Amino acid sequence: MTDKTGINAITGHGRPIARPGSTQDGEDNHVLKNEVKDLSAQIGALREANRETDSQQQLVAQLRQANERLVLATFGAQDQQAAAEKANLAKEEFLAMLAHELRNPLAPISMATELIGKLTWAHPQLPRLHGVISRQATHLTHLLDDLLDASRVNSGKITLQKEPLLLSEILDTAVEAAEPPFSRHAQKLVVDMLDEPIVIDGDQVRLAQAFSNLLINASKFTPDGGKVMLSVTRTANMVSVAVKDDGVGIPAEMQEVIFDLFVQGPQTLARSGGGLGIGLALVRAVATMHGGRIEVHSDGEGHGSEFVLSLPVSSHAALQATKMPGVTKAPSHAKRILLIDDNIDSNETMMSFLSDEGHAISTASEGMSALAMFKENVYDIVICDIGLPGMDGYEVVTRMRDMPMRPAPLFIAMTGYNEPESRARATEAGFDQYFVKPIAVGALLGLVSLSDHAGSRPAA
């Protein structure tokens, strides 16, 4: 007799083994199918969970890689920005050094040319040759100024010295500066000013430069014998100066970029007039810094163009229509001058100008000998170049200032550097006046002649 209890134990379910064809057999199969189905579902869910885990791990890995690339890209961008800033600074320093180095030979050329102009012409060709040298030296000077202005415009380092100004005087200066190309090309410049005095707050040098740039630009793109019109209009708070020409005109696509740096106009006439594509960019920068704007209008090629520079009218109503006449001071006695410059040609030509005015000149070519001469002699004026070998002009004048004396002479800086930083450093060193090479000889001689600085020497 079979022990069914043992069989039940073997099944593990406490159930007897179903016999084929029995009802119990069908029920067991159904239960097993459900259990298998549940187990399959659990296995599927586990596999899906594993797949999700794998996907999440892949996403985490991808995110980690992306983050690493982002960090590397950030460092790369920072390195590129630093490199760009370094390159830009190097470019600005190069332009400043280039201008300085080119101004050094230009200074004696300009002074010698001006000195030749005072001499009696021994040959009929000399006046013409003198004019050629003078014009080309002036043109080179303007190109150097444009290079430096390009650097300042690009870096936003243009500085203004604002004061209440009469617009008429600024425009007179601009017209005078722009006159040579108009004469050279037999062009007619018509100026239509308002009768009322208009006062603006601005930098006289920069505004005159902006207006002269507009006039010179108009001349450049106007054929020989053409006409340029300068006119002034005013609203309640703004004044507009329009420069209109009957020249080659400006295509519509060019009008959108005409004020960008280094953009050149139509090439048919542009190269004959020279230029670096800087003048109009400077005009826009000056206008913006004065709270104004610059606009261009042209119907296209062959229809001329019009540039309109608008500026705010000043609230300084107290400034009179004409400036109070100043007291003209008669030139004083001959001055004792110490001239310090390592450029022999510049030294000799400057000495010729000053000697012709009756002044007594002593010269030095470097700092130590200049200090020794200053200590042993009496000078009314010291004219010193900045870029001296060894000890620069800043240190020379600082040491001279440190020597006890009463009263101090007039210290005048001569340099090829025209940056605000150089001017500030010269003032800090003790210079009273600052002249940029090539020097405006007439202005320097006038300053020397009218100087009331008494001679002095260091105390023993």
Protein backbone atom coordinates (compact mmCIF):
# COMPACT_ATOMS: atom_id res chain seq x y z
CA MET A 1 0.00 0.00 0.00
CA THR A 2 1.43 3.34 -1.08
CA ASP A 3 2.11 6.07 1.50
CA LYS A 4 0.33 9.16 0.08
CA THR A 5 1.72 11.37 2.81
CA GLY A 6 5.21 10.93 1.40
CA ILE A 7 4.02 11.71 -2.08
CA ASN A 8 2.37 14.91 -0.85
CA ALA A 9 5.57 15.89 0.83
CA ILE A 10 7.46 15.39 -2.44
CA THR A 11 5.13 17.73 -4.35
CA GLY A 12 5.88 20.51 -1.86
CA HIS A 13 2.38 21.86 -2.13
CA GLY A 14 0.57 19.66 0.25
CA ARG A 15 -1.47 18.49 -2.72
CA PRO A 16 -1.78 15.01 -4.07
CA ILE A 17 -0.38 14.41 -7.53
CA ALA A 18 -3.18 14.79 -9.98
CA ARG A 19 -4.07 11.93 -12.13
CA PRO A 20 -4.54 12.44 -15.86
CA GLY A 21 -7.98 13.37 -16.87
CA SER A 22 -9.01 14.46 -13.42
CA THR A 23 -10.43 17.87 -12.52
CA GLN A 24 -7.58 18.44 -10.15
CA ASP A 25 -5.17 18.15 -13.06
CA GLY A 26 -6.75 21.10 -14.89
CA GLU A 27 -6.71 23.27 -11.83
CA ASP A 28 -3.03 22.63 -11.22
CA ASN A 29 -2.14 23.46 -14.80
CA HIS A 30 -3.99 26.73 -14.54
CA VAL A 31 -2.16 27.64 -11.34
CA LEU A 32 1.19 26.78 -12.86
CA LYS A 33 0.48 28.85 -15.94
CA ASN A 34 -0.38 31.87 -13.79
CA GLU A 35 2.77 31.41 -11.74
CA VAL A 36 4.87 31.14 -14.90
CA LYS A 37 3.14 34.19 -16.31
CA ASP A 38 3.81 36.16 -13.10
CA LEU A 39 7.40 35.00 -13.07
CA SER A 40 7.84 36.01 -16.72
CA ALA A 41 6.38 39.41 -15.97
CA GLN A 42 8.76 39.84 -13.05
CA ILE A 43 11.69 38.80 -15.22
CA GLY A 44 10.56 41.26 -17.93
CA ALA A 45 10.21 44.05 -15.39
CA LEU A 46 13.66 43.22 -14.04
CA ARG A 47 15.12 43.30 -17.53
CA GLU A 48 13.37 46.63 -18.23
CA ALA A 49 14.72 48.00 -14.96
CA ASN A 50 18.17 46.82 -15.95
CA ARG A 51 17.79 48.49 -19.32
CA GLU A 52 16.68 51.73 -17.65
CA THR A 53 19.62 51.48 -15.27
CA ASP A 54 21.94 50.97 -18.23
CA SER A 55 20.34 53.93 -20.01
CA GLN A 56 20.69 56.08 -16.93
CA GLN A 57 24.30 55.06 -16.57
CA GLN A 58 24.87 55.90 -20.22
CA LEU A 59 23.16 59.26 -19.74
CA VAL A 60 25.29 59.93 -16.68
CA ALA A 61 28.40 59.05 -18.66
CA GLN A 62 27.29 61.26 -21.54
CA LEU A 63 26.51 64.11 -19.17
CA ARG A 64 29.89 63.65 -17.53
CA GLN A 65 31.60 63.76 -20.92
CA ALA A 66 29.54 66.78 -21.98
CA ASN A 67 30.41 68.54 -18.74
CA GLU A 68 34.08 67.77 -19.26
CA ARG A 69 33.87 69.14 -22.80
CA LEU A 70 32.05 72.22 -21.50
CA VAL A 71 34.75 72.81 -18.89
CA LEU A 72 37.44 72.39 -21.54
CA ALA A 73 35.54 74.70 -23.90
CA THR A 74 35.19 77.29 -21.13
CA PHE A 75 38.90 77.18 -20.40
CA GLY A 76 39.56 77.30 -24.14
CA ALA A 77 37.30 80.33 -24.55
CA GLN A 78 39.00 82.03 -21.62
CA ASP A 79 42.39 81.28 -23.14
CA GLN A 80 41.22 82.60 -26.51
CA GLN A 81 39.82 85.75 -24.90
CA ALA A 82 43.04 86.29 -22.98
CA ALA A 83 45.03 85.72 -26.16
CA ALA A 84 42.79 88.13 -28.08
CA GLU A 85 43.13 90.77 -25.38
CA LYS A 86 46.88 90.26 -25.31
CA ALA A 87 47.06 90.52 -29.10
CA ASN A 88 44.90 93.66 -29.06
CA LEU A 89 47.10 95.23 -26.40
CA ALA A 90 50.19 94.30 -28.38
CA LYS A 91 48.63 95.87 -31.49
CA GLU A 92 47.88 99.10 -29.63
CA GLU A 93 51.39 99.20 -28.21
CA PHE A 94 52.81 98.54 -31.66
CA LEU A 95 50.76 101.35 -33.22
CA ALA A 96 51.86 103.74 -30.49
CA MET A 97 55.50 102.73 -30.93
CA LEU A 98 55.21 102.92 -34.72
CA ALA A 99 53.78 106.42 -34.54
CA HIS A 100 56.50 107.45 -32.11
CA GLU A 101 59.31 106.03 -34.24
CA LEU A 102 57.95 107.60 -37.44
CA ARG A 103 57.34 110.94 -35.77
CA ASN A 104 60.98 111.20 -34.74
CA PRO A 105 62.28 111.55 -38.32
CA LEU A 106 59.20 113.53 -39.34
CA ALA A 107 59.91 116.20 -36.73
CA PRO A 108 63.20 117.48 -38.20
CA ILE A 109 61.82 117.10 -41.75
CA SER A 110 58.85 119.29 -40.90
CA MET A 111 60.95 121.86 -39.06
CA ALA A 112 63.60 121.95 -41.79
CA THR A 113 60.87 122.42 -44.39
CA GLU A 114 59.41 125.30 -42.44
CA LEU A 115 62.87 126.81 -42.02
CA ILE A 116 63.57 126.51 -45.76
CA GLY A 117 60.35 128.39 -46.39
CA LYS A 118 61.81 131.41 -44.60
CA LEU A 119 64.93 131.54 -46.75
CA THR A 120 65.43 133.53 -49.94
CA TRP A 121 64.74 131.37 -52.98
CA ALA A 122 68.00 131.01 -54.93
CA HIS A 123 66.49 128.81 -57.64
CA PRO A 124 63.09 129.08 -59.33
CA GLN A 125 62.37 125.38 -58.65
CA LEU A 126 62.90 125.65 -54.88
CA PRO A 127 59.42 126.97 -54.02
CA ARG A 128 57.77 124.08 -55.86
CA LEU A 129 60.05 121.47 -54.28
CA HIS A 130 59.53 123.04 -50.87
CA GLY A 131 55.78 122.78 -51.35
CA VAL A 132 56.05 119.10 -52.27
CA ILE A 133 58.06 118.26 -49.15
CA SER A 134 55.80 120.31 -46.92
CA ARG A 135 52.58 118.75 -48.23
CA GLN A 136 53.88 115.19 -48.04
CA ALA A 137 55.26 115.67 -44.52
CA THR A 138 51.86 116.99 -43.45
CA HIS A 139 50.14 114.05 -45.13
CA LEU A 140 52.40 111.57 -43.32
CA THR A 141 51.62 113.29 -40.04
CA HIS A 142 47.89 112.94 -40.67
CA LEU A 143 48.29 109.24 -41.51
CA LEU A 144 50.13 108.67 -38.24
CA ASP A 145 47.41 110.47 -36.33
CA ASP A 146 44.82 108.31 -38.10
CA LEU A 147 46.64 105.12 -37.09
CA LEU A 148 46.60 106.13 -33.44
CA ASP A 149 42.98 107.25 -33.67
CA ALA A 150 42.07 103.85 -35.15
CA SER A 151 43.55 102.17 -32.10
CA ARG A 152 41.70 104.52 -29.76
CA VAL A 153 38.38 104.08 -31.57
CA ASN A 154 38.77 100.30 -31.53
CA SER A 155 39.58 100.19 -27.80
CA GLY A 156 37.23 102.98 -26.74
CA LYS A 157 40.10 105.05 -25.37
CA ILE A 158 39.25 108.38 -26.98
CA THR A 159 39.04 110.97 -24.21
CA LEU A 160 37.38 114.38 -24.36
CA GLN A 161 38.20 117.67 -22.66
CA LYS A 162 34.85 119.44 -22.78
CA GLU A 163 34.22 123.13 -22.40
CA PRO A 164 31.63 125.64 -23.71
CA LEU A 165 32.53 126.40 -27.33
CA LEU A 166 31.22 128.57 -30.13
CA LEU A 167 30.27 126.34 -33.05
CA SER A 168 31.35 129.02 -35.52
CA GLU A 169 34.92 128.95 -34.23
CA ILE A 170 35.08 125.16 -34.44
CA LEU A 171 33.84 125.24 -38.03
CA ASP A 172 36.31 127.99 -38.94
CA THR A 173 39.13 125.77 -37.70
CA ALA A 174 37.76 122.78 -39.62
CA VAL A 175 37.39 124.75 -42.86
CA GLU A 176 40.95 126.04 -42.57
CA ALA A 177 42.30 122.52 -41.96
CA ALA A 178 40.39 121.13 -44.96
CA GLU A 179 41.34 123.92 -47.38
CA PRO A 180 44.41 122.32 -49.09
CA PRO A 181 42.56 119.52 -50.97
CA PHE A 182 39.87 121.96 -52.13
CA SER A 183 42.54 124.27 -53.55
CA ARG A 184 44.42 121.37 -55.09
CA HIS A 185 41.33 120.13 -56.95
CA ALA A 186 39.84 123.54 -57.77
CA GLN A 187 36.71 122.65 -55.80
CA LYS A 188 34.32 125.22 -54.41
CA LEU A 189 33.46 125.13 -50.71
CA VAL A 190 30.34 127.10 -49.78
CA VAL A 191 29.75 127.78 -46.08
CA ASP A 192 26.28 128.80 -44.88
CA MET A 193 26.41 129.68 -41.17
CA LEU A 194 23.63 130.91 -38.91
CA ASP A 195 23.78 134.50 -37.69
CA GLU A 196 23.01 133.55 -34.10
CA PRO A 197 25.83 132.31 -31.87
CA ILE A 198 25.50 128.61 -31.03
CA VAL A 199 27.26 127.22 -27.98
CA ILE A 200 28.00 123.54 -27.47
CA ASP A 201 29.79 121.64 -24.73
CA GLY A 202 32.60 119.79 -26.40
CA ASP A 203 36.23 119.05 -27.07
CA GLN A 204 37.46 121.71 -29.47
CA VAL A 205 40.22 119.60 -31.02
CA ARG A 206 38.09 116.49 -31.57
CA LEU A 207 35.09 118.38 -32.92
CA ALA A 208 37.22 120.38 -35.35
CA GLN A 209 38.82 117.10 -36.42
CA ALA A 210 35.41 115.50 -36.99
CA PHE A 211 34.13 118.37 -39.14
CA SER A 212 37.38 118.61 -41.12
CA ASN A 213 37.20 114.84 -41.73
CA LEU A 214 33.74 115.29 -43.24
CA LEU A 215 34.97 118.12 -45.47
CA ILE A 216 38.10 116.26 -46.58
CA ASN A 217 36.02 113.15 -47.25
CA ALA A 218 33.64 115.21 -49.40
CA SER A 219 36.56 116.65 -51.35
CA LYS A 220 38.06 113.20 -51.86
CA PHE A 221 34.93 111.85 -53.57
CA THR A 222 34.09 114.98 -55.55
CA PRO A 223 35.61 115.48 -59.03
CA ASP A 224 37.90 118.39 -59.80
CA GLY A 225 35.92 121.61 -60.07
CA GLY A 226 33.03 120.20 -58.04
CA LYS A 227 31.17 121.87 -55.18
CA VAL A 228 30.78 121.07 -51.48
CA MET A 229 28.23 122.82 -49.26
CA LEU A 230 28.52 123.19 -45.47
CA SER A 231 25.32 124.39 -43.81
CA VAL A 232 24.05 124.77 -40.23
CA THR A 233 20.49 124.33 -38.97
CA ARG A 234 19.12 124.40 -35.46
CA THR A 235 16.14 123.05 -33.55
CA ALA A 236 15.30 123.78 -29.92
CA ASN A 237 17.92 121.51 -28.38
CA MET A 238 20.07 120.32 -31.29
CA VAL A 239 22.25 121.84 -33.97
CA SER A 240 22.99 120.02 -37.21
CA VAL A 241 25.94 120.60 -39.52
CA ALA A 242 25.46 119.17 -43.01
CA VAL A 243 28.27 118.56 -45.52
CA LYS A 244 26.79 117.96 -48.97
CA ASP A 245 28.72 117.26 -52.18
CA ASP A 246 27.93 116.62 -55.84
CA GLY A 247 30.41 113.77 -56.06
CA VAL A 248 30.31 110.07 -56.85
CA GLY A 249 27.61 109.16 -54.31
CA ILE A 250 27.37 106.09 -52.09
CA PRO A 251 25.69 102.77 -52.96
CA ALA A 252 22.89 101.71 -50.61
CA GLU A 253 24.78 98.68 -49.30
CA MET A 254 27.81 100.85 -48.53
CA GLN A 255 25.74 103.32 -46.48
CA GLU A 256 25.11 100.63 -43.87
CA VAL A 257 28.83 100.16 -43.11
CA ILE A 258 30.34 103.50 -44.14
CA PHE A 259 31.08 104.47 -40.52
CA ASP A 260 32.83 101.19 -39.67
CA LEU A 261 36.57 101.19 -39.10
CA PHE A 262 38.78 100.72 -42.20
CA VAL A 263 35.81 100.81 -44.62
CA GLN A 264 36.71 102.55 -47.88
CA GLY A 265 34.27 104.32 -50.16
CA PRO A 266 33.97 103.88 -53.94
CA GLN A 267 37.45 103.18 -55.28
CA THR A 268 37.16 105.30 -58.42
CA LEU A 269 38.34 108.37 -56.57
CA ALA A 270 39.21 107.11 -53.09
CA ARG A 271 42.76 105.99 -53.73
CA SER A 272 43.67 109.25 -55.44
CA GLY A 273 42.82 111.00 -52.19
CA GLY A 274 44.56 108.49 -49.94
CA GLY A 275 43.37 107.63 -46.47
CA LEU A 276 43.01 104.53 -44.33
CA GLY A 277 39.24 104.31 -43.89
CA ILE A 278 39.42 105.75 -40.38
CA GLY A 279 38.05 109.29 -40.67
CA LEU A 280 34.32 108.51 -40.68
CA ALA A 281 34.66 105.95 -37.88
CA LEU A 282 36.29 108.68 -35.81
CA VAL A 283 33.48 111.10 -36.71
CA ARG A 284 30.89 108.64 -35.41
CA ALA A 285 32.87 108.04 -32.20
CA VAL A 286 33.24 111.78 -31.54
CA ALA A 287 29.56 112.45 -32.28
CA THR A 288 28.42 109.66 -29.96
CA MET A 289 30.72 110.77 -27.14
CA HIS A 290 29.22 114.27 -27.39
CA GLY A 291 25.68 112.91 -27.14
CA GLY A 292 25.08 113.46 -30.85
CA ARG A 293 24.76 111.38 -34.00
CA ILE A 294 26.01 111.19 -37.58
CA GLU A 295 23.82 110.27 -40.56
CA VAL A 296 24.46 109.78 -44.26
CA HIS A 297 22.07 110.33 -47.18
CA SER A 298 22.73 109.45 -50.81
CA ASP A 299 20.54 108.45 -53.75
CA GLY A 300 23.27 106.13 -54.96
CA GLU A 301 26.24 106.25 -57.27
CA GLY A 302 26.56 109.42 -59.28
CA HIS A 303 24.12 111.40 -57.12
CA GLY A 304 26.41 112.91 -54.48
CA SER A 305 26.08 112.45 -50.74
CA GLU A 306 25.25 114.35 -47.58
CA PHE A 307 26.60 113.77 -44.07
CA VAL A 308 24.77 115.38 -41.15
CA LEU A 309 26.43 115.65 -37.73
CA SER A 310 23.99 116.67 -34.98
CA LEU A 311 25.01 117.81 -31.49
CA PRO A 312 23.17 118.99 -28.37
CA VAL A 313 23.09 122.76 -27.86
CA SER A 314 24.77 123.85 -24.63
CA SER A 315 22.88 125.30 -21.70
CA HIS A 316 25.71 127.78 -21.06
CA ALA A 317 23.74 130.86 -22.02
CA ALA A 318 26.23 133.02 -20.20
CA LEU A 319 28.81 132.55 -22.93
CA GLN A 320 28.66 135.70 -25.03
CA ALA A 321 28.30 135.83 -28.77
CA THR A 322 31.89 136.83 -29.15
CA LYS A 323 34.60 135.99 -26.72
CA MET A 324 35.95 138.77 -24.60
CA PRO A 325 39.05 140.20 -26.22
CA GLY A 326 42.06 138.91 -24.37
CA VAL A 327 44.95 141.00 -23.25
CA THR A 328 47.70 140.73 -25.79
CA LYS A 329 50.99 140.38 -24.07
CA ALA A 330 54.06 141.74 -25.78
CA PRO A 331 56.92 139.32 -26.21
CA SER A 332 59.36 139.50 -23.35
CA HIS A 333 63.14 139.50 -23.49
CA ALA A 334 65.22 136.73 -25.02
CA LYS A 335 65.05 133.47 -23.11
CA ARG A 336 67.77 131.16 -21.91
CA ILE A 337 66.72 127.73 -23.13
CA LEU A 338 68.03 124.24 -22.45
CA LEU A 339 67.13 121.97 -25.39
CA ILE A 340 67.41 118.21 -24.70
CA ASP A 341 67.00 115.81 -27.63
CA ASP A 342 69.04 112.82 -28.81
CA ASN A 343 67.99 113.37 -32.44
CA ILE A 344 70.76 115.59 -33.82
CA ASP A 345 68.75 116.78 -36.83
CA SER A 346 65.79 117.70 -34.65
CA ASN A 347 68.08 119.46 -32.19
CA GLU A 348 69.80 121.51 -34.87
CA THR A 349 66.64 122.61 -36.67
CA MET A 350 64.90 123.53 -33.41
CA MET A 351 67.98 125.45 -32.32
CA SER A 352 67.90 127.37 -35.62
CA PHE A 353 64.30 128.44 -35.05
CA LEU A 354 64.90 129.51 -31.46
CA SER A 355 68.16 131.28 -32.27
CA ASP A 356 66.49 133.24 -35.07
CA GLU A 357 64.06 134.55 -32.44
CA GLY A 358 67.00 135.87 -30.40
CA HIS A 359 66.98 133.23 -27.67
CA ALA A 360 70.14 131.78 -26.11
CA ILE A 361 70.24 128.02 -26.63
CA SER A 362 72.16 125.27 -24.85
CA THR A 363 71.79 121.68 -26.03
CA ALA A 364 72.17 118.21 -24.54
CA SER A 365 71.59 114.79 -26.07
CA GLU A 366 71.03 112.67 -22.95
CA GLY A 367 69.82 112.96 -19.37
CA MET A 368 72.98 113.01 -17.25
CA SER A 369 74.67 115.81 -19.19
CA ALA A 370 71.39 117.76 -19.17
CA LEU A 371 71.18 117.48 -15.38
CA ALA A 372 74.77 118.67 -15.03
CA MET A 373 74.11 121.68 -17.26
CA PHE A 374 70.88 122.47 -15.43
CA LYS A 375 72.68 122.41 -12.09
CA GLU A 376 75.40 124.83 -13.19
CA ASN A 377 73.44 127.30 -15.33
CA VAL A 378 70.36 129.52 -15.28
CA TYR A 379 67.50 128.67 -17.66
CA ASP A 380 64.12 130.23 -18.29
CA ILE A 381 62.82 127.27 -20.31
CA VAL A 382 63.69 123.58 -20.58
CA ILE A 383 62.52 121.78 -23.74
CA CYS A 384 62.99 118.04 -23.27
CA ASP A 385 62.33 115.02 -25.46
CA ILE A 386 60.67 112.09 -23.66
CA GLY A 387 62.37 109.22 -25.47
CA LEU A 388 65.96 109.87 -24.41
CA PRO A 389 68.54 107.05 -24.21
CA GLY A 390 69.17 105.72 -20.73
CA MET A 391 67.30 108.17 -18.53
CA ASP A 392 64.02 109.20 -20.16
CA GLY A 393 62.60 112.71 -20.18
CA TYR A 394 60.17 111.96 -17.34
CA GLU A 395 63.00 111.15 -14.96
CA VAL A 396 65.14 114.06 -16.17
CA VAL A 397 62.45 116.64 -15.39
CA THR A 398 61.49 114.92 -12.14
CA ARG A 399 65.10 115.21 -10.96
CA MET A 400 65.27 118.83 -12.08
CA ARG A 401 62.07 119.59 -10.18
CA ASP A 402 63.56 117.97 -7.08
CA MET A 403 66.47 120.43 -7.14
CA PRO A 404 65.59 123.39 -4.88
CA MET A 405 65.04 126.48 -7.03
CA ARG A 406 62.91 129.59 -7.14
CA PRO A 407 61.19 130.23 -9.40
CA ALA A 408 61.10 127.13 -11.58
CA PRO A 409 61.65 127.37 -15.34
CA LEU A 410 58.98 126.41 -17.87
CA PHE A 411 59.27 122.69 -18.67
CA ILE A 412 58.09 121.73 -22.18
CA ALA A 413 57.78 118.10 -23.31
CA MET A 414 58.58 117.05 -26.89
CA THR A 415 57.48 113.55 -27.83
CA GLY A 416 56.11 111.25 -30.48
CA TYR A 417 53.63 109.80 -27.98
CA ASN A 418 50.15 111.32 -28.01
CA GLU A 419 48.24 108.96 -25.71
CA PRO A 420 46.37 110.32 -22.66
CA GLU A 421 48.52 108.10 -20.45
CA SER A 422 51.70 109.75 -21.76
CA ARG A 423 50.27 113.23 -21.19
CA ALA A 424 49.21 112.31 -17.66
CA ARG A 425 52.64 110.89 -16.91
CA ALA A 426 54.31 114.04 -18.26
CA THR A 427 52.16 116.21 -16.00
CA GLU A 428 53.00 113.99 -13.04
CA ALA A 429 56.72 114.27 -13.85
CA GLY A 430 56.51 118.08 -13.80
CA PHE A 431 56.11 119.19 -17.41
CA ASP A 432 54.09 122.38 -17.90
CA GLN A 433 53.40 121.98 -21.64
CA TYR A 434 53.21 119.02 -24.01
CA PHE A 435 54.05 119.10 -27.75
CA VAL A 436 53.61 116.12 -30.06
CA LYS A 437 56.05 115.60 -32.93
CA PRO A 438 56.14 116.89 -35.57
CA ILE A 439 55.90 120.04 -33.50
CA ALA A 440 53.83 123.06 -34.51
CA VAL A 441 56.81 125.39 -34.52
CA GLY A 442 54.75 128.57 -34.55
CA ALA A 443 52.84 127.52 -31.44
CA LEU A 444 56.06 126.60 -29.65
CA LEU A 445 57.77 129.88 -30.56
CA GLY A 446 54.73 131.81 -29.41
CA LEU A 447 54.72 129.98 -26.09
CA VAL A 448 58.43 130.61 -25.60
CA SER A 449 58.13 134.28 -26.51
CA LEU A 450 55.22 134.95 -24.17
CA SER A 451 56.50 132.89 -21.28
CA ASP A 452 56.91 134.87 -18.07
CA HIS A 453 58.96 132.23 -16.28
CA ALA A 454 62.00 133.93 -14.81
CA GLY A 455 65.37 132.25 -15.05
CA SER A 456 66.35 129.99 -12.20
CA ARG A 457 69.11 127.71 -11.09
CA PRO A 458 69.28 125.17 -8.30
CA ALA A 459 70.38 126.47 -4.94
CA ALA A 460 73.94 125.70 -4.00
